[in-house]
Amino acid sequence: MKIKILIVLIALAGFKFSKAQSDVADLLRFGTHDGNLLIEAYTEPYGKGLGVGMNNSWYYTAETHKLWGFDLAFSISAFKVPGSDKTFDVNELGLKYVYAQDGQNMASTAAGSGDGVSLYYDAEINGQTTPIEYFSTPGGSGVDVVPVPIIQATFGLLPNTDVILRYVPKVKFEIDNEDAEAGLWGLGLKHNIRESLPVIKHLPLDIALFGAYSNISGESAIDFDYTVYGVPNPAGYVQDPNQKGEFATKNMKYGLIVSKKIAVITFFASVTGNSSKTTFDILGKYPVPDPEKLGTDFTNIEDLLVNAMIEEEDPIALSYKDNYMGIDAGFRLKLSFFSLFGSISKANYVSYNGGISFGFR
């Protein structure tokens, strides 16, 4: 179960590098500057969405447990990528060496359903600058609603206060025959302030303050050499055994929760502040073309791939930061020793959350 959950989380972060090495190699064909910009724009919706998903399903009521009460909850938070994040303008990225033709510059992101766009470079042929079509950005996956599974335990360890824990120890597994490992943890606090403030003590509502932090991180081995570009390894070439990818997502959420219990149903709503940062790095040494070595003095791509290759260390370093306000609303249905809950969250991405919990208060 833990392995399946972590594979989903890693895939959301764009971490399945080994499966998409040909795409990454294409985007590195004009060096790390343009490659970083293209890869970041292509994977950004999943980088941002992972933070949105991890910041959800922390609570489903403002009510807190009695001392030593607890529950164990299993939930799914599915975020939806909006249309504005399904495409990006290639010519607005600040690329140095390649470009898209006017009118054909809107490329699909990983969450889109469209095709990639052709990229061109300028070569000097017979004294004239000539645009040459080189390669295309990847097309979209068509997956714009992505689930993030979450397991957490909640304990009533202090008066009117819940401590919420998320934890999966680092586990090892394989992604497309490459070794990988990942783990996550999170800590949240929810304090019901109704009992603490005389002004609101007699209101027929529960009101709580909430704050949480979560972190997911992992790494995967990578197998990358000259052959991913379609050219042979040069004589004497030794592939770096330390090639790997690393990612981490750090998230914070805080806010005010209000809930009302009517018989076995509790309705809740909250206003929250959220922040997330996802990083994705390709570490080790890799063969990468360096256009500066040739300038515009080449007429075909083989010149670049054969005569301008260098060993680049740590070629990819991506970072997705997001700060946003959110509104959550939902319900909890209490049935004997278990509860069903569901909610919708409106922020930069809309997410839908639902699950089941077991325990006693």
Protein backbone atom coordinates (compact mmCIF):
# COMPACT_ATOMS: atom_id res chain seq x y z
CA MET A 1 0.00 0.00 0.00
CA LYS A 2 2.79 2.44 0.94
CA ILE A 3 4.61 1.77 -2.31
CA LYS A 4 1.53 2.46 -4.44
CA ILE A 5 0.89 5.73 -2.62
CA LEU A 6 4.45 6.92 -3.06
CA ILE A 7 4.60 6.01 -6.74
CA VAL A 8 1.54 8.21 -7.32
CA LEU A 9 3.10 11.10 -5.41
CA ILE A 10 6.41 10.81 -7.22
CA ALA A 11 4.71 10.70 -10.60
CA LEU A 12 2.87 13.93 -9.76
CA ALA A 13 6.14 15.68 -9.09
CA GLY A 14 7.42 14.82 -12.56
CA PHE A 15 9.90 12.45 -10.94
CA LYS A 16 9.49 9.52 -13.35
CA PHE A 17 12.53 10.79 -15.20
CA SER A 18 13.70 7.35 -16.27
CA LYS A 19 10.52 6.76 -18.27
CA ALA A 20 10.79 10.09 -20.08
CA GLN A 21 14.52 10.29 -20.76
CA SER A 22 13.98 10.75 -24.49
CA ASP A 23 11.75 13.77 -23.83
CA VAL A 24 14.24 15.25 -21.38
CA ALA A 25 17.10 14.60 -23.79
CA ASP A 26 15.18 16.45 -26.51
CA LEU A 27 14.65 19.43 -24.22
CA LEU A 28 18.37 19.46 -23.37
CA ARG A 29 19.47 19.46 -27.02
CA PHE A 30 20.38 23.13 -26.85
CA GLY A 31 21.98 23.10 -23.43
CA THR A 32 20.93 23.46 -19.83
CA HIS A 33 19.72 27.08 -20.04
CA ASP A 34 16.94 26.41 -22.53
CA GLY A 35 16.42 22.88 -21.19
CA ASN A 36 15.64 24.05 -17.66
CA LEU A 37 13.16 26.65 -18.90
CA LEU A 38 11.35 24.18 -21.16
CA ILE A 39 11.17 21.36 -18.61
CA GLU A 40 9.99 23.72 -15.86
CA ALA A 41 7.19 25.15 -18.00
CA TYR A 42 6.13 21.69 -19.17
CA THR A 43 5.91 20.10 -15.69
CA GLU A 44 4.78 23.15 -13.67
CA PRO A 45 1.10 22.13 -13.23
CA TYR A 46 2.07 18.88 -11.50
CA GLY A 47 4.74 20.61 -9.41
CA LYS A 48 2.17 23.14 -8.16
CA GLY A 49 -0.63 20.59 -7.91
CA LEU A 50 1.33 18.27 -5.64
CA GLY A 51 1.53 21.05 -3.05
CA VAL A 52 -2.21 21.71 -3.38
CA GLY A 53 -3.02 18.03 -2.90
CA MET A 54 -0.73 17.63 0.11
CA ASN A 55 -2.29 20.69 1.78
CA ASN A 56 -5.79 19.16 1.78
CA SER A 57 -7.74 16.63 3.88
CA TRP A 58 -6.15 17.69 7.16
CA TYR A 59 -9.56 18.13 8.86
CA TYR A 60 -13.28 17.63 8.38
CA THR A 61 -14.62 19.37 11.51
CA ALA A 62 -13.60 22.14 13.92
CA GLU A 63 -14.50 19.83 16.80
CA THR A 64 -11.55 18.28 18.65
CA HIS A 65 -11.15 14.92 20.34
CA LYS A 66 -11.52 14.36 24.04
CA LEU A 67 -8.29 13.60 25.85
CA TRP A 68 -6.77 10.37 24.42
CA GLY A 69 -9.36 10.17 21.68
CA PHE A 70 -8.05 9.31 18.22
CA ASP A 71 -8.95 8.39 14.65
CA LEU A 72 -7.22 7.01 11.58
CA ALA A 73 -8.26 8.53 8.24
CA PHE A 74 -7.76 7.43 4.63
CA SER A 75 -8.54 10.04 1.99
CA ILE A 76 -8.02 11.09 -1.61
CA SER A 77 -7.44 14.70 -2.63
CA ALA A 78 -7.83 15.14 -6.39
CA PHE A 79 -6.70 18.46 -7.81
CA LYS A 80 -7.87 19.80 -11.18
CA VAL A 81 -5.49 21.76 -13.38
CA PRO A 82 -7.24 24.85 -14.84
CA GLY A 83 -7.19 25.59 -18.55
CA SER A 84 -4.73 28.45 -18.08
CA ASP A 85 -2.08 25.97 -16.89
CA LYS A 86 -2.55 23.48 -19.73
CA THR A 87 -0.48 25.47 -22.22
CA PHE A 88 2.54 27.77 -22.16
CA ASP A 89 4.02 30.29 -24.59
CA VAL A 90 7.41 29.00 -25.70
CA ASN A 91 8.57 32.42 -26.86
CA GLU A 92 7.82 34.00 -23.46
CA LEU A 93 10.23 31.73 -21.56
CA GLY A 94 13.40 33.65 -22.33
CA LEU A 95 15.06 30.92 -24.42
CA LYS A 96 18.50 31.78 -25.81
CA TYR A 97 18.95 29.35 -28.68
CA VAL A 98 15.62 27.98 -29.92
CA TYR A 99 12.22 29.48 -30.61
CA ALA A 100 8.80 28.71 -32.04
CA GLN A 101 7.44 30.39 -35.13
CA ASP A 102 4.90 33.16 -34.61
CA GLY A 103 1.38 31.78 -34.42
CA GLN A 104 2.69 28.34 -33.46
CA ASN A 105 4.18 29.17 -30.08
CA MET A 106 1.58 27.78 -27.64
CA ALA A 107 2.73 24.37 -26.39
CA SER A 108 0.88 21.89 -24.19
CA THR A 109 2.04 21.35 -20.62
CA ALA A 110 2.17 17.86 -19.14
CA ALA A 111 -1.41 18.33 -17.89
CA GLY A 112 -2.74 19.47 -21.27
CA SER A 113 -4.16 17.38 -24.07
CA GLY A 114 -2.65 19.16 -27.05
CA ASP A 115 0.47 18.58 -29.10
CA GLY A 116 3.91 20.05 -28.65
CA VAL A 117 5.27 22.74 -30.94
CA SER A 118 8.22 22.68 -33.32
CA LEU A 119 11.34 24.52 -32.17
CA TYR A 120 13.82 26.16 -34.55
CA TYR A 121 17.39 27.42 -34.36
CA ASP A 122 19.10 29.90 -36.68
CA ALA A 123 22.09 28.72 -38.71
CA GLU A 124 24.40 30.66 -41.02
CA ILE A 125 24.14 29.06 -44.48
CA ASN A 126 25.87 30.76 -47.43
CA GLY A 127 26.09 33.95 -45.44
CA GLN A 128 22.39 34.04 -44.63
CA THR A 129 20.57 33.33 -41.39
CA THR A 130 18.31 30.36 -42.01
CA PRO A 131 15.77 28.92 -39.52
CA ILE A 132 16.11 25.14 -39.18
CA GLU A 133 13.48 22.99 -37.52
CA TYR A 134 15.11 20.94 -34.80
CA PHE A 135 12.71 19.13 -32.42
CA SER A 136 9.30 19.47 -30.77
CA THR A 137 8.23 19.90 -27.18
CA PRO A 138 6.37 16.87 -25.74
CA GLY A 139 2.61 16.69 -26.10
CA GLY A 140 0.30 16.72 -23.09
CA SER A 141 -0.77 13.65 -21.13
CA GLY A 142 -4.45 14.59 -21.11
CA VAL A 143 -4.51 14.05 -17.34
CA ASP A 144 -5.80 17.25 -15.71
CA VAL A 145 -7.40 15.68 -12.62
CA VAL A 146 -4.83 13.91 -10.45
CA PRO A 147 -5.43 12.08 -7.14
CA VAL A 148 -3.16 12.42 -4.11
CA PRO A 149 -3.79 9.64 -1.52
CA ILE A 150 -3.27 10.53 2.15
CA ILE A 151 -3.14 8.53 5.40
CA GLN A 152 -3.13 10.33 8.74
CA ALA A 153 -3.77 9.77 12.45
CA THR A 154 -5.30 12.32 14.83
CA PHE A 155 -4.86 12.28 18.61
CA GLY A 156 -6.47 14.29 21.42
CA LEU A 157 -3.29 14.80 23.44
CA LEU A 158 -4.07 18.23 24.93
CA PRO A 159 -7.30 19.91 26.13
CA ASN A 160 -9.36 21.08 23.13
CA THR A 161 -6.37 20.35 20.90
CA ASP A 162 -5.74 17.70 18.25
CA VAL A 163 -2.32 16.60 17.06
CA ILE A 164 -2.42 15.28 13.47
CA LEU A 165 0.35 13.07 12.09
CA ARG A 166 1.16 11.95 8.56
CA TYR A 167 4.06 9.56 8.18
CA VAL A 168 5.35 7.02 5.68
CA PRO A 169 8.97 5.94 6.25
CA LYS A 170 11.25 5.94 3.23
CA VAL A 171 10.67 2.79 1.22
CA LYS A 172 12.60 1.43 -1.74
CA PHE A 173 11.00 0.34 -5.00
CA GLU A 174 11.61 0.39 -8.75
CA ILE A 175 10.42 2.74 -11.48
CA ASP A 176 11.03 1.27 -14.91
CA ASN A 177 13.86 -0.92 -13.60
CA GLU A 178 15.56 1.99 -11.82
CA ASP A 179 16.01 1.99 -8.02
CA ALA A 180 14.00 4.65 -6.19
CA GLU A 181 12.97 5.57 -2.67
CA ALA A 182 10.63 8.10 -1.11
CA GLY A 183 8.88 8.96 2.13
CA LEU A 184 6.68 11.63 3.65
CA TRP A 185 5.75 13.13 6.98
CA GLY A 186 3.52 15.91 8.25
CA LEU A 187 2.45 17.49 11.53
CA GLY A 188 -0.71 19.50 12.19
CA LEU A 189 -2.33 21.16 15.21
CA LYS A 190 -6.01 22.05 15.62
CA HIS A 191 -7.22 23.99 18.66
CA ASN A 192 -10.92 24.54 19.39
CA ILE A 193 -11.09 28.11 20.68
CA ARG A 194 -14.80 28.12 21.63
CA GLU A 195 -14.09 26.84 25.14
CA SER A 196 -11.27 29.34 25.61
CA LEU A 197 -13.11 32.54 24.69
CA PRO A 198 -16.13 33.54 26.84
CA VAL A 199 -17.51 35.72 24.04
CA ILE A 200 -18.11 32.73 21.76
CA LYS A 201 -18.42 29.93 24.34
CA HIS A 202 -22.19 29.71 24.02
CA LEU A 203 -22.35 29.84 20.22
CA PRO A 204 -23.88 26.70 18.65
CA LEU A 205 -20.72 26.26 16.59
CA ASP A 206 -17.23 24.84 16.92
CA ILE A 207 -14.47 27.25 15.94
CA ALA A 208 -10.85 26.14 15.65
CA LEU A 209 -7.46 27.50 14.67
CA PHE A 210 -5.35 25.21 12.52
CA GLY A 211 -1.74 24.96 11.31
CA ALA A 212 0.21 22.21 9.55
CA TYR A 213 3.49 21.41 7.80
CA SER A 214 4.20 18.46 5.51
CA ASN A 215 7.19 17.21 3.54
CA ILE A 216 7.60 14.54 0.88
CA SER A 217 10.98 13.71 -0.61
CA GLY A 218 12.63 10.99 -2.65
CA GLU A 219 15.20 10.06 -5.24
CA SER A 220 15.64 7.74 -8.19
CA ALA A 221 18.64 6.38 -10.07
CA ILE A 222 19.08 7.54 -13.69
CA ASP A 223 20.67 5.87 -16.70
CA PHE A 224 21.64 8.63 -19.15
CA ASP A 225 24.42 8.73 -21.75
CA TYR A 226 25.06 9.89 -25.33
CA THR A 227 22.76 7.23 -26.79
CA VAL A 228 19.62 9.03 -25.57
CA TYR A 229 20.39 11.66 -28.21
CA GLY A 230 20.67 9.01 -30.91
CA VAL A 231 24.47 9.20 -31.16
CA PRO A 232 27.00 6.57 -29.99
CA ASN A 233 29.07 6.95 -26.85
CA PRO A 234 32.57 8.21 -27.75
CA ALA A 235 35.56 5.95 -27.24
CA GLY A 236 36.67 5.90 -23.63
CA TYR A 237 33.46 7.45 -22.30
CA VAL A 238 32.56 6.34 -18.77
CA GLN A 239 29.04 7.08 -17.55
CA ASP A 240 28.81 8.74 -14.15
CA PRO A 241 27.54 6.14 -11.65
CA ASN A 242 26.16 8.91 -9.41
CA GLN A 243 23.39 10.02 -11.79
CA LYS A 244 20.11 10.44 -9.92
CA GLY A 245 17.04 12.60 -9.59
CA GLU A 246 15.86 14.16 -6.33
CA PHE A 247 12.63 15.92 -5.46
CA ALA A 248 11.07 17.44 -2.36
CA THR A 249 7.81 19.21 -1.62
CA LYS A 250 7.40 21.36 1.50
CA ASN A 251 3.94 22.66 2.37
CA MET A 252 2.37 24.87 5.03
CA LYS A 253 -1.30 25.52 5.77
CA TYR A 254 -2.95 27.64 8.48
CA GLY A 255 -6.37 29.11 9.03
CA LEU A 256 -9.73 29.21 10.79
CA ILE A 257 -12.27 26.35 10.75
CA VAL A 258 -15.97 26.63 11.64
CA SER A 259 -18.29 23.62 11.91
CA LYS A 260 -21.87 22.85 12.94
CA LYS A 261 -23.09 19.42 14.03
CA ILE A 262 -26.68 18.45 13.23
CA ALA A 263 -27.46 14.94 14.47
CA VAL A 264 -24.95 12.64 12.74
CA ILE A 265 -23.86 15.19 10.10
CA THR A 266 -21.28 17.90 10.65
CA PHE A 267 -20.90 20.70 8.11
CA PHE A 268 -17.63 22.65 8.07
CA ALA A 269 -15.97 25.54 6.27
CA SER A 270 -12.58 27.18 6.55
CA VAL A 271 -10.47 30.06 5.29
CA THR A 272 -6.76 29.26 4.99
CA GLY A 273 -3.40 30.58 3.93
CA ASN A 274 -1.22 28.13 2.02
CA SER A 275 2.32 27.93 0.74
CA SER A 276 4.23 25.19 -1.05
CA LYS A 277 7.62 24.71 -2.65
CA THR A 278 8.50 21.77 -4.88
CA THR A 279 12.07 21.24 -6.08
CA PHE A 280 13.26 18.75 -8.69
CA ASP A 281 16.97 18.30 -9.39
CA ILE A 282 18.94 16.07 -11.75
CA LEU A 283 22.27 15.39 -10.04
CA GLY A 284 25.51 13.93 -11.37
CA LYS A 285 27.38 14.41 -14.65
CA TYR A 286 25.59 14.16 -18.02
CA PRO A 287 26.53 14.68 -21.67
CA VAL A 288 24.81 17.90 -22.74
CA PRO A 289 25.28 20.01 -25.91
CA ASP A 290 26.82 23.46 -25.45
CA PRO A 291 25.78 25.73 -28.36
CA GLU A 292 28.37 28.33 -27.33
CA LYS A 293 31.11 26.01 -28.57
CA LEU A 294 29.83 26.30 -32.16
CA GLY A 295 27.94 29.58 -32.18
CA THR A 296 25.93 29.56 -35.41
CA ASP A 297 28.73 27.88 -37.33
CA PHE A 298 26.94 24.62 -38.07
CA THR A 299 24.31 23.57 -40.58
CA ASN A 300 22.97 20.32 -39.12
CA ILE A 301 22.25 19.00 -35.69
CA GLU A 302 24.86 16.23 -35.88
CA ASP A 303 27.54 18.96 -35.67
CA LEU A 304 26.08 20.07 -32.36
CA LEU A 305 25.59 16.60 -30.87
CA VAL A 306 29.00 15.29 -31.91
CA ASN A 307 31.29 18.33 -31.72
CA ALA A 308 29.81 20.47 -28.94
CA MET A 309 29.08 17.97 -26.16
CA ILE A 310 30.32 18.64 -22.64
CA GLU A 311 29.97 16.83 -19.32
CA GLU A 312 27.51 19.00 -17.41
CA GLU A 313 27.21 18.53 -13.65
CA ASP A 314 23.75 18.81 -12.03
CA PRO A 315 22.10 20.05 -15.25
CA ILE A 316 18.50 20.39 -14.04
CA ALA A 317 17.40 22.46 -11.01
CA LEU A 318 13.68 23.28 -10.94
CA SER A 319 11.67 25.05 -8.26
CA TYR A 320 7.92 25.67 -8.08
CA LYS A 321 6.73 28.09 -5.39
CA ASP A 322 3.11 28.86 -4.64
CA ASN A 323 1.37 31.10 -2.08
CA TYR A 324 -2.40 31.35 -2.06
CA MET A 325 -5.55 31.78 0.00
CA GLY A 326 -8.04 28.93 0.06
CA ILE A 327 -11.67 28.27 1.00
CA ASP A 328 -12.77 24.77 2.05
CA ALA A 329 -16.32 23.51 2.63
CA GLY A 330 -17.60 20.02 3.29
CA PHE A 331 -19.23 17.53 5.64
CA ARG A 332 -18.63 14.56 7.92
CA LEU A 333 -21.18 11.77 8.33
CA LYS A 334 -20.79 9.84 11.60
CA LEU A 335 -21.80 6.16 11.38
CA SER A 336 -21.10 4.07 14.46
CA PHE A 337 -17.30 3.66 14.82
CA PHE A 338 -16.45 5.18 11.43
CA SER A 339 -17.15 8.37 9.51
CA LEU A 340 -17.40 9.37 5.87
CA PHE A 341 -16.27 12.84 4.83
CA GLY A 342 -15.98 14.96 1.72
CA SER A 343 -15.14 18.52 0.77
CA ILE A 344 -14.25 20.88 -2.03
CA SER A 345 -11.38 23.37 -1.83
CA LYS A 346 -11.14 26.50 -3.94
CA ALA A 347 -7.71 28.05 -4.34
CA ASN A 348 -5.45 28.50 -7.37
CA TYR A 349 -6.46 24.91 -8.22
CA VAL A 350 -9.83 23.39 -7.32
CA SER A 351 -9.55 20.10 -5.44
CA TYR A 352 -12.07 17.48 -4.39
CA ASN A 353 -11.49 15.54 -1.20
CA GLY A 354 -13.14 12.47 0.27
CA GLY A 355 -12.42 9.58 2.60
CA ILE A 356 -13.19 7.45 5.60
CA SER A 357 -11.97 7.53 9.21
CA PHE A 358 -12.08 5.06 12.10
CA GLY A 359 -11.79 5.83 15.81
CA PHE A 360 -13.50 7.38 18.79
CA ARG A 361 -13.70 10.85 20.30
